[in-house]
Amino acid sequence: MALRKFVCTVLLGAAILGKSTAPSLAEDPKPKKLLVLTFCGGFKHSCLEIAEKTIAQIGRDSGVFEAEALNLWQLRPDLINLSFLTPEYMNRYDGFLFFTTTGDNVKATEEQKQGILNAIKDGKALIGTHTTTDSFYNWPEWGEMVGAYFDGHPWNAGDPPVTLKVEDKNHPATAMLGDEWVIQDEIYQFREPYSREKLHVLLSLDNSKTDMEKGDRIHRGKDGDYAVAWCREYGKGKVFYTALGHREDVWTNPTFQAHLLGGIKWAFGLAEGDATPSAKLK
């Protein structure tokens, strides 16, 4: 019954997304094909089923994409096999959305790794949500492509809401937010290869409105930079990542859905948005 209520909320939220206020490019008359990957070799989030349903509903309501979810989160870690990710299989899709954890259980062969990298370099879209940065720690090129690796969450999902600073008010993933966004969710910190020299940061924690004295939860880099969403170009492809999405009610939040849809549209090349590394904008 609880899940049914969540799904109903998803449907209502997605239905009122409306059109993005960000500039749009000429749209492909056919919806893009998006493969949703949710395998869990590490921590398994309770929101994964709701996330898959929400992504599919956003695609249907917007007409932008058709999502295919493989329900990989249902598999035991030792049964997860990525051998299906061949170049031929990936060619069926225009983009890939990862909400994954790998732990030490999920491994990819060198051929599979190169196939994923090549798909994005050759123009496919990569969308990452929440735990995408908590994946493939022994594959440096993955971290480089996505933009960072997870390094803990100083602000937990049950902590009071935080204020996010909108660093790009014109990007389709953030154009609906104004100057700031107050939201309750788990907030990550990141380690290398995270760098504003490479990434166009869209959202970051507003330190002036955040409890920064949390004992041993202080940012390990001590630079005070807590990015929450970013984008980048990778070869001919585009990468959009949002660290949000731990809580179930985040996925049913219409504002989050609009944020995600805007990022997906940008990654598919259907909406204009700057990807200049943030360090070069100063």
Foldseek 3Di string as FASTA:
>chain_A
DVVVVLLVLLLVLLLPLDDFPFFWDDADQAAFEEEEEEAELDDQFPQVVVLQSSVQSNCVNVVRHHYDYPPNPPDHLQPDDPPCQALVNPVVGQEYEYPYANPPRDDDDPRSVVSVLVSQLVAGFYEYEACQLNYDPVPVVSCVQQAFHWDDFLAALPHAWFKKAFPDCRQQLRVPPPGIDTDRHTFTATDPPHDLQFWAFGIWTDPVGDPQPRPPSHRPVNPRTRGAWIKGHRNNFIYTYGNGDRDNVCSSHSSSSSSRVSRVCVRSVGGDDDTRRPVVVD
